[in-house]
Amino acid sequence: MRTSLLLLPLLALLAPGAAQACTMVANPHPPTAAQLQAAARQVVDHAAAIIDGEVIRAVVPGRTPALVRVHRQFTGPPRAEVEVGILTSCDVPLVRLGERARMILTGGPDVWFIRMGMGAAEAAAVDRLLGSDRTRDWPYVQGMVVPQ
């Protein structure tokens, strides 16, 4: 039971539009390295695209998706720009113009979505799988674009 609760926030990234409300489960026991690696592998395998990008047009909820300039593409179809919208309360809205981050995208190919998040340890496990050191490759990144 503990293992499944630990991985719940990561697995939520894999369930496109399944729920209308999002819940983060606080667990006092951090996941093991093996659990982090397995969960990160699932996230990477199920992502429609993973990019480092910069918000060049903020989202206007219910009207216009955000526009993100792709600086680096890890997975997914090659694009210079992607539109990132919000469909449910589980989607992360890109509201800050100029925000730069690593983004794990679902949906596409026209409008993509960023599902609710992961913590620093999970994000680091994803980065290791991608073979990317953010401090070197994308120094503007302060983390994944996900709620904390």
N, C-alpha and C. Protein backbone atom coordinates (compact mmCIF):
# COMPACT_ATOMS: atom_id res chain seq x y z
N MET A 1 0.82 -1.19 0.00
CA MET A 1 0.00 0.00 0.00
C MET A 1 0.86 1.26 0.00
N ARG A 2 1.93 1.26 0.81
CA ARG A 2 2.80 2.42 0.87
C ARG A 2 3.39 2.74 -0.49
N THR A 3 3.85 1.71 -1.20
CA THR A 3 4.46 1.91 -2.51
C THR A 3 3.48 2.60 -3.45
N SER A 4 2.23 2.15 -3.49
CA SER A 4 1.28 2.74 -4.41
C SER A 4 0.98 4.19 -4.04
N LEU A 5 0.96 4.53 -2.77
CA LEU A 5 0.72 5.91 -2.37
C LEU A 5 1.90 6.80 -2.73
N LEU A 6 3.10 6.26 -2.66
CA LEU A 6 4.29 7.04 -3.00
C LEU A 6 4.29 7.42 -4.48
N LEU A 7 3.80 6.55 -5.31
CA LEU A 7 3.87 6.77 -6.74
C LEU A 7 2.65 7.47 -7.30
N LEU A 8 1.64 7.72 -6.48
CA LEU A 8 0.42 8.33 -6.94
C LEU A 8 0.62 9.65 -7.67
N PRO A 9 1.41 10.59 -7.13
CA PRO A 9 1.58 11.85 -7.86
C PRO A 9 2.21 11.66 -9.23
N LEU A 10 3.17 10.75 -9.35
CA LEU A 10 3.78 10.50 -10.65
C LEU A 10 2.82 9.83 -11.60
N LEU A 11 2.06 8.87 -11.11
CA LEU A 11 1.13 8.16 -11.97
C LEU A 11 -0.01 9.05 -12.43
N ALA A 12 -0.30 10.09 -11.67
CA ALA A 12 -1.34 11.04 -12.09
C ALA A 12 -0.96 11.70 -13.41
N LEU A 13 0.33 11.80 -13.69
CA LEU A 13 0.78 12.35 -14.96
C LEU A 13 0.34 11.49 -16.13
N LEU A 14 0.08 10.22 -15.87
CA LEU A 14 -0.25 9.28 -16.93
C LEU A 14 -1.73 9.18 -17.21
N ALA A 15 -2.58 9.79 -16.40
CA ALA A 15 -4.03 9.65 -16.53
C ALA A 15 -4.62 10.91 -17.15
N PRO A 16 -4.63 11.02 -18.48
CA PRO A 16 -5.11 12.25 -19.09
C PRO A 16 -6.59 12.45 -18.89
N GLY A 17 -6.94 13.53 -18.21
CA GLY A 17 -8.33 13.92 -18.04
C GLY A 17 -9.19 12.98 -17.24
N ALA A 18 -8.61 12.09 -16.46
CA ALA A 18 -9.38 11.09 -15.76
C ALA A 18 -10.22 11.67 -14.63
N ALA A 19 -9.76 12.72 -14.00
CA ALA A 19 -10.47 13.25 -12.85
C ALA A 19 -10.70 14.74 -13.01
N GLN A 20 -11.68 15.26 -12.31
CA GLN A 20 -11.96 16.68 -12.35
C GLN A 20 -11.32 17.42 -11.18
N ALA A 21 -10.82 16.71 -10.20
CA ALA A 21 -10.13 17.33 -9.08
C ALA A 21 -8.86 16.55 -8.81
N CYS A 22 -7.83 17.25 -8.38
CA CYS A 22 -6.56 16.59 -8.14
C CYS A 22 -6.25 16.57 -6.66
N THR A 23 -5.63 15.50 -6.24
CA THR A 23 -5.26 15.35 -4.85
C THR A 23 -3.80 14.91 -4.80
N MET A 24 -3.03 15.58 -3.97
CA MET A 24 -1.66 15.17 -3.73
C MET A 24 -1.64 14.41 -2.41
N VAL A 25 -0.96 13.29 -2.40
CA VAL A 25 -0.88 12.47 -1.20
C VAL A 25 0.44 12.75 -0.50
N ALA A 26 0.35 13.24 0.72
CA ALA A 26 1.56 13.48 1.51
C ALA A 26 1.95 12.18 2.19
N ASN A 27 3.21 11.80 2.01
CA ASN A 27 3.69 10.57 2.60
C ASN A 27 4.96 10.87 3.39
N PRO A 28 4.99 10.54 4.66
CA PRO A 28 6.17 10.84 5.47
C PRO A 28 7.38 9.98 5.12
N HIS A 29 7.18 8.93 4.35
CA HIS A 29 8.28 8.02 3.98
C HIS A 29 8.69 8.28 2.54
N PRO A 30 9.91 8.76 2.32
CA PRO A 30 10.34 9.02 0.95
C PRO A 30 10.47 7.71 0.17
N PRO A 31 10.24 7.78 -1.15
CA PRO A 31 10.37 6.57 -1.97
C PRO A 31 11.82 6.12 -2.04
N THR A 32 12.01 4.84 -2.26
CA THR A 32 13.36 4.30 -2.42
C THR A 32 13.89 4.69 -3.79
N ALA A 33 15.18 4.53 -3.98
CA ALA A 33 15.79 4.82 -5.27
C ALA A 33 15.18 3.97 -6.38
N ALA A 34 14.91 2.71 -6.08
CA ALA A 34 14.30 1.82 -7.08
C ALA A 34 12.88 2.27 -7.43
N GLN A 35 12.12 2.72 -6.43
CA GLN A 35 10.77 3.21 -6.69
C GLN A 35 10.80 4.48 -7.53
N LEU A 36 11.74 5.38 -7.22
CA LEU A 36 11.88 6.61 -8.01
C LEU A 36 12.24 6.30 -9.45
N GLN A 37 13.18 5.38 -9.63
CA GLN A 37 13.60 5.02 -10.99
C GLN A 37 12.45 4.39 -11.78
N ALA A 38 11.71 3.50 -11.15
CA ALA A 38 10.59 2.84 -11.84
C ALA A 38 9.51 3.86 -12.21
N ALA A 39 9.19 4.75 -11.29
CA ALA A 39 8.16 5.75 -11.56
C ALA A 39 8.63 6.72 -12.64
N ALA A 40 9.89 7.12 -12.61
CA ALA A 40 10.43 8.01 -13.63
C ALA A 40 10.40 7.33 -15.00
N ARG A 41 10.72 6.06 -15.05
CA ARG A 41 10.68 5.31 -16.32
C ARG A 41 9.26 5.33 -16.89
N GLN A 42 8.25 5.15 -16.03
CA GLN A 42 6.87 5.19 -16.50
C GLN A 42 6.50 6.56 -17.04
N VAL A 43 6.91 7.60 -16.34
CA VAL A 43 6.61 8.96 -16.78
C VAL A 43 7.24 9.23 -18.14
N VAL A 44 8.50 8.89 -18.30
CA VAL A 44 9.20 9.13 -19.57
C VAL A 44 8.56 8.29 -20.68
N ASP A 45 8.27 7.03 -20.40
CA ASP A 45 7.69 6.15 -21.42
C ASP A 45 6.31 6.59 -21.87
N HIS A 46 5.54 7.22 -20.98
CA HIS A 46 4.17 7.60 -21.29
C HIS A 46 3.99 9.07 -21.68
N ALA A 47 5.04 9.85 -21.62
CA ALA A 47 4.95 11.27 -22.00
C ALA A 47 4.78 11.38 -23.51
N ALA A 48 3.92 12.27 -23.93
CA ALA A 48 3.77 12.53 -25.36
C ALA A 48 4.98 13.31 -25.88
N ALA A 49 5.53 14.16 -25.01
CA ALA A 49 6.74 14.92 -25.34
C ALA A 49 7.36 15.43 -24.05
N ILE A 50 8.66 15.60 -24.07
CA ILE A 50 9.38 16.22 -22.96
C ILE A 50 10.29 17.27 -23.57
N ILE A 51 10.15 18.51 -23.07
CA ILE A 51 10.90 19.63 -23.64
C ILE A 51 11.46 20.53 -22.54
N ASP A 52 12.45 21.32 -22.91
CA ASP A 52 12.84 22.49 -22.16
C ASP A 52 12.27 23.64 -22.97
N GLY A 53 11.46 24.49 -22.33
CA GLY A 53 10.82 25.54 -23.09
C GLY A 53 10.63 26.82 -22.31
N GLU A 54 10.28 27.88 -23.05
CA GLU A 54 10.05 29.20 -22.47
C GLU A 54 8.67 29.68 -22.89
N VAL A 55 7.90 30.15 -21.91
CA VAL A 55 6.55 30.66 -22.18
C VAL A 55 6.67 32.00 -22.88
N ILE A 56 6.14 32.07 -24.12
CA ILE A 56 6.18 33.33 -24.86
C ILE A 56 4.78 33.95 -24.99
N ARG A 57 3.75 33.22 -24.60
CA ARG A 57 2.39 33.75 -24.47
C ARG A 57 1.74 32.99 -23.33
N ALA A 58 1.28 33.70 -22.32
CA ALA A 58 0.66 33.05 -21.17
C ALA A 58 -0.73 32.53 -21.54
N VAL A 59 -1.17 31.51 -20.82
CA VAL A 59 -2.49 30.95 -21.03
C VAL A 59 -3.57 31.93 -20.58
N VAL A 60 -4.67 31.95 -21.30
CA VAL A 60 -5.87 32.67 -20.87
C VAL A 60 -6.93 31.59 -20.70
N PRO A 61 -7.21 31.18 -19.44
CA PRO A 61 -8.12 30.06 -19.20
C PRO A 61 -9.45 30.19 -19.94
N GLY A 62 -9.82 29.11 -20.61
CA GLY A 62 -11.07 29.07 -21.36
C GLY A 62 -11.02 29.77 -22.71
N ARG A 63 -9.86 30.38 -23.04
CA ARG A 63 -9.78 31.11 -24.30
C ARG A 63 -8.58 30.71 -25.15
N THR A 64 -7.37 30.88 -24.62
CA THR A 64 -6.16 30.69 -25.41
C THR A 64 -5.13 29.88 -24.65
N PRO A 65 -4.58 28.84 -25.26
CA PRO A 65 -3.50 28.11 -24.59
C PRO A 65 -2.22 28.95 -24.56
N ALA A 66 -1.33 28.58 -23.67
CA ALA A 66 -0.02 29.22 -23.62
C ALA A 66 0.76 28.80 -24.87
N LEU A 67 1.69 29.64 -25.26
CA LEU A 67 2.59 29.31 -26.36
C LEU A 67 3.99 29.20 -25.77
N VAL A 68 4.64 28.08 -26.05
CA VAL A 68 5.96 27.80 -25.48
C VAL A 68 6.96 27.61 -26.62
N ARG A 69 8.07 28.34 -26.54
CA ARG A 69 9.17 28.17 -27.50
C ARG A 69 10.01 26.99 -27.00
N VAL A 70 10.22 26.01 -27.85
CA VAL A 70 11.00 24.83 -27.50
C VAL A 70 12.48 25.15 -27.67
N HIS A 71 13.22 24.99 -26.58
CA HIS A 71 14.66 25.19 -26.65
C HIS A 71 15.40 23.87 -26.80
N ARG A 72 14.82 22.81 -26.22
CA ARG A 72 15.43 21.48 -26.32
C ARG A 72 14.31 20.46 -26.29
N GLN A 73 14.39 19.48 -27.18
CA GLN A 73 13.37 18.44 -27.28
C GLN A 73 14.00 17.11 -26.91
N PHE A 74 13.43 16.44 -25.90
CA PHE A 74 13.93 15.12 -25.49
C PHE A 74 13.14 14.01 -26.17
N THR A 75 11.81 14.15 -26.16
CA THR A 75 10.95 13.14 -26.79
C THR A 75 9.81 13.86 -27.48
N GLY A 76 9.12 13.15 -28.35
CA GLY A 76 7.96 13.71 -29.04
C GLY A 76 8.32 14.25 -30.41
N PRO A 77 7.29 14.68 -31.14
CA PRO A 77 7.53 15.19 -32.48
C PRO A 77 8.28 16.52 -32.43
N PRO A 78 9.24 16.73 -33.33
CA PRO A 78 10.02 17.97 -33.31
C PRO A 78 9.13 19.18 -33.62
N ARG A 79 9.24 20.18 -32.78
CA ARG A 79 8.47 21.42 -32.93
C ARG A 79 9.32 22.59 -32.48
N ALA A 80 9.12 23.74 -33.10
CA ALA A 80 9.78 24.97 -32.66
C ALA A 80 8.99 25.60 -31.52
N GLU A 81 7.66 25.43 -31.57
CA GLU A 81 6.77 25.97 -30.54
C GLU A 81 5.66 24.97 -30.30
N VAL A 82 5.12 24.98 -29.07
CA VAL A 82 3.97 24.14 -28.73
C VAL A 82 2.96 24.99 -27.97
N GLU A 83 1.68 24.66 -28.13
CA GLU A 83 0.64 25.30 -27.33
C GLU A 83 0.32 24.38 -26.16
N VAL A 84 0.27 24.97 -24.97
CA VAL A 84 0.01 24.21 -23.75
C VAL A 84 -1.22 24.80 -23.08
N GLY A 85 -2.27 23.99 -23.01
CA GLY A 85 -3.53 24.46 -22.44
C GLY A 85 -3.83 23.87 -21.09
N ILE A 86 -5.02 24.16 -20.61
CA ILE A 86 -5.53 23.56 -19.38
C ILE A 86 -6.91 23.00 -19.70
N LEU A 87 -7.11 21.74 -19.36
CA LEU A 87 -8.37 21.05 -19.64
C LEU A 87 -9.09 20.73 -18.34
N THR A 88 -8.32 20.33 -17.33
CA THR A 88 -8.90 19.98 -16.03
C THR A 88 -8.11 20.66 -14.92
N SER A 89 -8.58 20.50 -13.69
CA SER A 89 -7.85 21.07 -12.55
C SER A 89 -6.53 20.36 -12.31
N CYS A 90 -6.28 19.26 -12.99
CA CYS A 90 -5.01 18.54 -12.86
C CYS A 90 -3.93 19.11 -13.78
N ASP A 91 -4.32 20.02 -14.67
CA ASP A 91 -3.36 20.60 -15.60
C ASP A 91 -2.72 21.84 -15.00
N VAL A 92 -1.44 22.01 -15.28
CA VAL A 92 -0.69 23.15 -14.76
C VAL A 92 -0.81 24.30 -15.75
N PRO A 93 -1.36 25.44 -15.32
CA PRO A 93 -1.48 26.58 -16.23
C PRO A 93 -0.16 27.36 -16.31
N LEU A 94 0.26 27.68 -17.50
CA LEU A 94 1.48 28.47 -17.70
C LEU A 94 1.07 29.94 -17.78
N VAL A 95 1.14 30.62 -16.66
CA VAL A 95 0.63 31.99 -16.57
C VAL A 95 1.72 33.05 -16.50
N ARG A 96 2.98 32.65 -16.37
CA ARG A 96 4.07 33.62 -16.24
C ARG A 96 4.85 33.73 -17.55
N LEU A 97 4.70 34.85 -18.20
CA LEU A 97 5.44 35.12 -19.43
C LEU A 97 6.93 35.06 -19.13
N GLY A 98 7.69 34.37 -19.97
CA GLY A 98 9.13 34.25 -19.78
C GLY A 98 9.55 33.09 -18.90
N GLU A 99 8.60 32.39 -18.29
CA GLU A 99 8.95 31.24 -17.45
C GLU A 99 9.65 30.19 -18.30
N ARG A 100 10.74 29.65 -17.77
CA ARG A 100 11.52 28.63 -18.48
C ARG A 100 11.56 27.39 -17.61
N ALA A 101 11.29 26.23 -18.21
CA ALA A 101 11.27 25.00 -17.42
C ALA A 101 11.32 23.78 -18.31
N ARG A 102 11.59 22.66 -17.67
CA ARG A 102 11.47 21.36 -18.31
C ARG A 102 10.01 20.96 -18.17
N MET A 103 9.39 20.53 -19.26
CA MET A 103 7.96 20.23 -19.26
C MET A 103 7.70 18.83 -19.77
N ILE A 104 6.93 18.09 -18.99
CA ILE A 104 6.49 16.76 -19.40
C ILE A 104 5.07 16.92 -19.90
N LEU A 105 4.89 16.71 -21.21
CA LEU A 105 3.63 17.01 -21.86
C LEU A 105 2.82 15.77 -22.17
N THR A 106 1.50 15.91 -22.07
CA THR A 106 0.55 14.90 -22.51
C THR A 106 -0.30 15.54 -23.59
N GLY A 107 -1.13 14.73 -24.23
CA GLY A 107 -2.03 15.28 -25.25
C GLY A 107 -1.34 15.44 -26.58
N GLY A 108 -1.60 16.59 -27.22
CA GLY A 108 -1.04 16.88 -28.52
C GLY A 108 -1.90 16.27 -29.62
N PRO A 109 -1.61 16.45 -30.84
CA PRO A 109 -0.48 17.19 -31.36
C PRO A 109 -0.73 18.70 -31.45
N ASP A 110 -2.00 19.14 -31.35
CA ASP A 110 -2.27 20.57 -31.47
C ASP A 110 -2.10 21.30 -30.15
N VAL A 111 -2.78 20.82 -29.10
CA VAL A 111 -2.65 21.42 -27.77
C VAL A 111 -2.17 20.34 -26.82
N TRP A 112 -1.16 20.68 -26.04
CA TRP A 112 -0.55 19.78 -25.08
C TRP A 112 -0.98 20.19 -23.68
N PHE A 113 -0.73 19.34 -22.70
CA PHE A 113 -1.09 19.62 -21.31
C PHE A 113 0.04 19.16 -20.40
N ILE A 114 0.18 19.84 -19.27
CA ILE A 114 1.14 19.44 -18.24
C ILE A 114 0.31 19.00 -17.05
N ARG A 115 0.37 17.74 -16.70
CA ARG A 115 -0.40 17.22 -15.58
C ARG A 115 0.28 17.57 -14.26
N MET A 116 -0.50 17.48 -13.17
CA MET A 116 0.04 17.84 -11.85
C MET A 116 1.30 17.06 -11.55
N GLY A 117 2.01 17.53 -10.56
CA GLY A 117 3.39 17.31 -10.45
C GLY A 117 4.07 16.25 -9.66
N MET A 118 5.32 16.54 -9.54
CA MET A 118 6.24 15.67 -8.85
C MET A 118 7.21 16.52 -8.05
N GLY A 119 7.81 15.92 -7.08
CA GLY A 119 8.78 16.63 -6.26
C GLY A 119 10.16 16.62 -6.87
N ALA A 120 11.11 17.21 -6.15
CA ALA A 120 12.47 17.35 -6.64
C ALA A 120 13.14 16.00 -6.88
N ALA A 121 12.92 15.03 -5.99
CA ALA A 121 13.56 13.72 -6.15
C ALA A 121 13.04 13.01 -7.40
N GLU A 122 11.74 13.10 -7.64
CA GLU A 122 11.15 12.49 -8.82
C GLU A 122 11.65 13.18 -10.09
N ALA A 123 11.71 14.52 -10.06
CA ALA A 123 12.19 15.28 -11.21
C ALA A 123 13.65 14.92 -11.52
N ALA A 124 14.46 14.76 -10.48
CA ALA A 124 15.86 14.38 -10.68
C ALA A 124 15.96 12.99 -11.30
N ALA A 125 15.08 12.07 -10.91
CA ALA A 125 15.09 10.72 -11.48
C ALA A 125 14.73 10.78 -12.96
N VAL A 126 13.79 11.62 -13.34
CA VAL A 126 13.44 11.80 -14.75
C VAL A 126 14.64 12.37 -15.50
N ASP A 127 15.28 13.38 -14.92
CA ASP A 127 16.45 13.99 -15.57
C ASP A 127 17.56 12.97 -15.80
N ARG A 128 17.79 12.09 -14.82
CA ARG A 128 18.82 11.05 -14.99
C ARG A 128 18.48 10.15 -16.17
N LEU A 129 17.21 9.78 -16.30
CA LEU A 129 16.81 8.94 -17.43
C LEU A 129 17.00 9.66 -18.76
N LEU A 130 16.81 10.97 -18.76
CA LEU A 130 16.98 11.75 -19.99
C LEU A 130 18.45 12.02 -20.29
N GLY A 131 19.32 11.75 -19.30
CA GLY A 131 20.74 12.01 -19.48
C GLY A 131 21.04 13.51 -19.51
N SER A 132 20.31 14.27 -18.71
CA SER A 132 20.45 15.72 -18.73
C SER A 132 20.70 16.26 -17.34
N ASP A 133 21.76 17.04 -17.22
CA ASP A 133 22.04 17.76 -15.98
C ASP A 133 21.50 19.17 -16.18
N ARG A 134 20.38 19.48 -15.55
CA ARG A 134 19.73 20.78 -15.77
C ARG A 134 20.61 21.96 -15.44
N THR A 135 21.46 21.81 -14.43
CA THR A 135 22.31 22.94 -14.06
C THR A 135 23.29 23.29 -15.17
N ARG A 136 23.59 22.32 -16.02
CA ARG A 136 24.50 22.55 -17.15
C ARG A 136 23.71 22.80 -18.44
N ASP A 137 22.72 21.94 -18.72
CA ASP A 137 22.00 21.97 -19.99
C ASP A 137 20.94 23.07 -20.08
N TRP A 138 20.32 23.39 -18.96
CA TRP A 138 19.20 24.34 -18.98
C TRP A 138 19.24 25.11 -17.67
N PRO A 139 20.24 25.98 -17.51
CA PRO A 139 20.49 26.63 -16.22
C PRO A 139 19.37 27.53 -15.73
N TYR A 140 18.43 27.89 -16.58
CA TYR A 140 17.34 28.75 -16.14
C TYR A 140 16.26 27.99 -15.40
N VAL A 141 16.29 26.66 -15.54
CA VAL A 141 15.26 25.83 -14.93
C VAL A 141 15.38 25.84 -13.41
N GLN A 142 14.27 26.07 -12.76
CA GLN A 142 14.23 25.99 -11.30
C GLN A 142 13.49 24.72 -10.89
N GLY A 143 13.15 23.91 -11.83
CA GLY A 143 12.43 22.68 -11.57
C GLY A 143 11.54 22.35 -12.73
N MET A 144 10.76 21.31 -12.57
CA MET A 144 9.75 20.98 -13.56
C MET A 144 8.62 21.99 -13.40
N VAL A 145 7.89 22.24 -14.45
CA VAL A 145 6.71 23.09 -14.33
C VAL A 145 5.60 22.21 -13.78
N VAL A 146 5.49 22.21 -12.49
CA VAL A 146 4.46 21.45 -11.80
C VAL A 146 4.19 22.14 -10.47
N PRO A 147 2.98 22.02 -9.94
CA PRO A 147 2.74 22.63 -8.64
C PRO A 147 3.51 21.89 -7.56
N GLN A 148 3.95 22.58 -6.55
CA GLN A 148 4.70 21.94 -5.47
C GLN A 148 3.80 21.56 -4.32
